Amino acid sequence: MARKARKARKERKEEPFTARVLTTVRRIPAGRVATYGDVAALAGKPRAARAVGNIMRDCRRADVPCHRVIASGGRLGGYGGSEFLKRSLLIAEGVPMSGARVRELDRVLWKPRTGR
């Protein structure tokens, strides 16, 4: 029983971060991408890129464009086991690709406005 209680506390503790990650990812416009590390930093935990990847892996929500979150350096990273699907979705949005890597990353990397 103690193990279940610890797991339940851990899940509750992670919920606010998960919500911030999903909110951040929803803001990424079509044709743009953000890295797992960028999303982690914007969600308030700059060293939690791997956690963002796990959240993206487990996210099954149609309103969250998980395919727009990529690994550092422009690599695609995973996408529910189908890198081909992730690549296809990005190409359909106009993101230039070269194999499993985003080309012209500086041009398509999303940089949210700050302030206001």
C-alpha atoms as a PDB file:
ATOM      1  CA  MET A   1       0.000   0.000   0.000  1.00  0.00           C
ATOM      2  CA  ALA A   2       2.816   2.413   0.802  1.00  0.00           C
ATOM      3  CA  ARG A   3       4.143   2.076  -2.748  1.00  0.00           C
ATOM      4  CA  LYS A   4       0.782   3.092  -4.226  1.00  0.00           C
ATOM      5  CA  ALA A   5       0.609   6.092  -1.905  1.00  0.00           C
ATOM      6  CA  ARG A   6       4.099   7.239  -2.928  1.00  0.00           C
ATOM      7  CA  LYS A   7       3.202   6.866  -6.602  1.00  0.00           C
ATOM      8  CA  ALA A   8      -0.028   8.845  -6.116  1.00  0.00           C
ATOM      9  CA  ARG A   9       1.874  11.652  -4.316  1.00  0.00           C
ATOM     10  CA  LYS A  10       4.493  11.711  -7.075  1.00  0.00           C
ATOM     11  CA  GLU A  11       1.832  11.955  -9.792  1.00  0.00           C
ATOM     12  CA  ARG A  12       0.075  14.795  -7.965  1.00  0.00           C
ATOM     13  CA  LYS A  13       3.386  16.576  -7.489  1.00  0.00           C
ATOM     14  CA  GLU A  14       4.154  16.406 -11.219  1.00  0.00           C
ATOM     15  CA  GLU A  15       0.755  17.586 -12.423  1.00  0.00           C
ATOM     16  CA  PRO A  16       1.484  21.350 -12.369  1.00  0.00           C
ATOM     17  CA  PHE A  17       4.675  20.853 -14.404  1.00  0.00           C
ATOM     18  CA  THR A  18       2.853  18.621 -16.881  1.00  0.00           C
ATOM     19  CA  ALA A  19       0.115  21.236 -17.260  1.00  0.00           C
ATOM     20  CA  ARG A  20       2.719  23.974 -17.877  1.00  0.00           C
ATOM     21  CA  VAL A  21       4.451  21.785 -20.482  1.00  0.00           C
ATOM     22  CA  LEU A  22       1.201  21.092 -22.338  1.00  0.00           C
ATOM     23  CA  THR A  23       0.240  24.779 -22.239  1.00  0.00           C
ATOM     24  CA  THR A  24       3.657  25.734 -23.610  1.00  0.00           C
ATOM     25  CA  VAL A  25       3.499  23.179 -26.425  1.00  0.00           C
ATOM     26  CA  ARG A  26       0.018  24.367 -27.434  1.00  0.00           C
ATOM     27  CA  ARG A  27       1.541  27.828 -28.032  1.00  0.00           C
ATOM     28  CA  ILE A  28       4.043  26.589 -30.658  1.00  0.00           C
ATOM     29  CA  PRO A  29       2.646  27.794 -33.997  1.00  0.00           C
ATOM     30  CA  ALA A  30       2.389  25.632 -37.100  1.00  0.00           C
ATOM     31  CA  GLY A  31       5.603  25.645 -39.094  1.00  0.00           C
ATOM     32  CA  ARG A  32       7.734  26.244 -35.992  1.00  0.00           C
ATOM     33  CA  VAL A  33       9.477  23.883 -33.567  1.00  0.00           C
ATOM     34  CA  ALA A  34      10.885  24.005 -30.037  1.00  0.00           C
ATOM     35  CA  THR A  35      13.377  21.702 -28.372  1.00  0.00           C
ATOM     36  CA  TYR A  36      12.576  19.560 -25.351  1.00  0.00           C
ATOM     37  CA  GLY A  37      14.990  21.760 -23.379  1.00  0.00           C
ATOM     38  CA  ASP A  38      13.332  24.964 -24.554  1.00  0.00           C
ATOM     39  CA  VAL A  39       9.924  23.672 -23.476  1.00  0.00           C
ATOM     40  CA  ALA A  40      11.317  22.584 -20.099  1.00  0.00           C
ATOM     41  CA  ALA A  41      12.801  26.033 -19.511  1.00  0.00           C
ATOM     42  CA  LEU A  42       9.595  27.803 -20.518  1.00  0.00           C
ATOM     43  CA  ALA A  43       7.637  25.504 -18.185  1.00  0.00           C
ATOM     44  CA  GLY A  44       9.877  26.499 -15.280  1.00  0.00           C
ATOM     45  CA  LYS A  45      12.327  23.576 -15.036  1.00  0.00           C
ATOM     46  CA  PRO A  46      15.260  24.236 -17.384  1.00  0.00           C
ATOM     47  CA  ARG A  47      16.976  20.924 -16.572  1.00  0.00           C
ATOM     48  CA  ALA A  48      13.904  18.765 -17.238  1.00  0.00           C
ATOM     49  CA  ALA A  49      14.208  18.105 -20.980  1.00  0.00           C
ATOM     50  CA  ARG A  50      13.924  14.348 -20.458  1.00  0.00           C
ATOM     51  CA  ALA A  51      10.745  14.838 -18.411  1.00  0.00           C
ATOM     52  CA  VAL A  52       9.290  16.881 -21.284  1.00  0.00           C
ATOM     53  CA  GLY A  53      10.131  14.007 -23.634  1.00  0.00           C
ATOM     54  CA  ASN A  54       8.295  11.589 -21.351  1.00  0.00           C
ATOM     55  CA  ILE A  55       5.273  13.893 -21.193  1.00  0.00           C
ATOM     56  CA  MET A  56       5.243  14.175 -24.986  1.00  0.00           C
ATOM     57  CA  ARG A  57       5.585  10.392 -25.340  1.00  0.00           C
ATOM     58  CA  ASP A  58       2.593   9.770 -23.086  1.00  0.00           C
ATOM     59  CA  CYS A  59       0.423  12.610 -24.395  1.00  0.00           C
ATOM     60  CA  ARG A  60      -2.466  11.408 -26.512  1.00  0.00           C
ATOM     61  CA  ARG A  61      -4.310  14.720 -26.728  1.00  0.00           C
ATOM     62  CA  ALA A  62      -5.259  15.990 -30.164  1.00  0.00           C
ATOM     63  CA  ASP A  63      -5.054  19.615 -28.968  1.00  0.00           C
ATOM     64  CA  VAL A  64      -1.329  19.341 -28.157  1.00  0.00           C
ATOM     65  CA  PRO A  65       0.990  19.484 -31.203  1.00  0.00           C
ATOM     66  CA  CYS A  66       3.640  17.167 -29.731  1.00  0.00           C
ATOM     67  CA  HIS A  67       5.237  16.718 -33.164  1.00  0.00           C
ATOM     68  CA  ARG A  68       6.551  20.299 -32.948  1.00  0.00           C
ATOM     69  CA  VAL A  69       8.846  19.417 -30.053  1.00  0.00           C
ATOM     70  CA  ILE A  70      12.228  18.145 -31.217  1.00  0.00           C
ATOM     71  CA  ALA A  71      15.572  17.120 -29.782  1.00  0.00           C
ATOM     72  CA  SER A  72      18.494  19.512 -29.550  1.00  0.00           C
ATOM     73  CA  GLY A  73      20.437  20.297 -32.684  1.00  0.00           C
ATOM     74  CA  GLY A  74      17.388  19.747 -34.880  1.00  0.00           C
ATOM     75  CA  ARG A  75      17.096  15.973 -34.500  1.00  0.00           C
ATOM     76  CA  LEU A  76      13.521  14.747 -34.517  1.00  0.00           C
ATOM     77  CA  GLY A  77      13.560  12.673 -31.363  1.00  0.00           C
ATOM     78  CA  GLY A  78      10.702  10.264 -30.869  1.00  0.00           C
ATOM     79  CA  TYR A  79       7.031  10.508 -31.640  1.00  0.00           C
ATOM     80  CA  GLY A  80       5.122   7.598 -30.214  1.00  0.00           C
ATOM     81  CA  GLY A  81       7.448   5.267 -32.053  1.00  0.00           C
ATOM     82  CA  SER A  82       6.876   6.768 -35.501  1.00  0.00           C
ATOM     83  CA  GLU A  83       9.596   9.170 -36.523  1.00  0.00           C
ATOM     84  CA  PHE A  84       8.219   8.936 -40.081  1.00  0.00           C
ATOM     85  CA  LEU A  85       4.857  10.322 -38.931  1.00  0.00           C
ATOM     86  CA  LYS A  86       6.516  13.160 -37.003  1.00  0.00           C
ATOM     87  CA  ARG A  87       8.623  14.040 -40.049  1.00  0.00           C
ATOM     88  CA  SER A  88       5.556  13.942 -42.310  1.00  0.00           C
ATOM     89  CA  LEU A  89       3.559  16.237 -40.025  1.00  0.00           C
ATOM     90  CA  LEU A  90       6.409  18.765 -39.863  1.00  0.00           C
ATOM     91  CA  ILE A  91       6.882  18.702 -43.655  1.00  0.00           C
ATOM     92  CA  ALA A  92       3.133  19.271 -44.095  1.00  0.00           C
ATOM     93  CA  GLU A  93       3.492  22.414 -41.952  1.00  0.00           C
ATOM     94  CA  GLY A  94       6.369  23.682 -44.087  1.00  0.00           C
ATOM     95  CA  VAL A  95       9.271  22.798 -41.771  1.00  0.00           C
ATOM     96  CA  PRO A  96      12.312  22.053 -43.970  1.00  0.00           C
ATOM     97  CA  MET A  97      13.742  18.594 -43.312  1.00  0.00           C
ATOM     98  CA  SER A  98      16.840  16.676 -44.282  1.00  0.00           C
ATOM     99  CA  GLY A  99      16.459  13.053 -43.284  1.00  0.00           C
ATOM    100  CA  ALA A 100      15.666  12.972 -39.565  1.00  0.00           C
ATOM    101  CA  ARG A 101      16.865  16.511 -38.922  1.00  0.00           C
ATOM    102  CA  VAL A 102      15.232  19.937 -39.210  1.00  0.00           C
ATOM    103  CA  ARG A 103      17.098  22.181 -41.633  1.00  0.00           C
ATOM    104  CA  GLU A 104      17.360  25.927 -41.116  1.00  0.00           C
ATOM    105  CA  LEU A 105      16.734  25.410 -37.404  1.00  0.00           C
ATOM    106  CA  ASP A 106      17.503  29.040 -36.575  1.00  0.00           C
ATOM    107  CA  ARG A 107      14.684  30.123 -38.890  1.00  0.00           C
ATOM    108  CA  VAL A 108      11.990  27.714 -37.635  1.00  0.00           C
ATOM    109  CA  LEU A 109      12.906  27.565 -33.942  1.00  0.00           C
ATOM    110  CA  TRP A 110      10.071  29.117 -31.956  1.00  0.00           C
ATOM    111  CA  LYS A 111      11.060  31.952 -29.669  1.00  0.00           C
ATOM    112  CA  PRO A 112       8.036  33.096 -27.695  1.00  0.00           C
ATOM    113  CA  ARG A 113       7.570  36.741 -26.968  1.00  0.00           C
ATOM    114  CA  THR A 114       8.313  37.739 -23.416  1.00  0.00           C
ATOM    115  CA  GLY A 115       7.087  40.700 -21.485  1.00  0.00           C
ATOM    116  CA  ARG A 116       3.652  42.308 -21.348  1.00  0.00           C
END
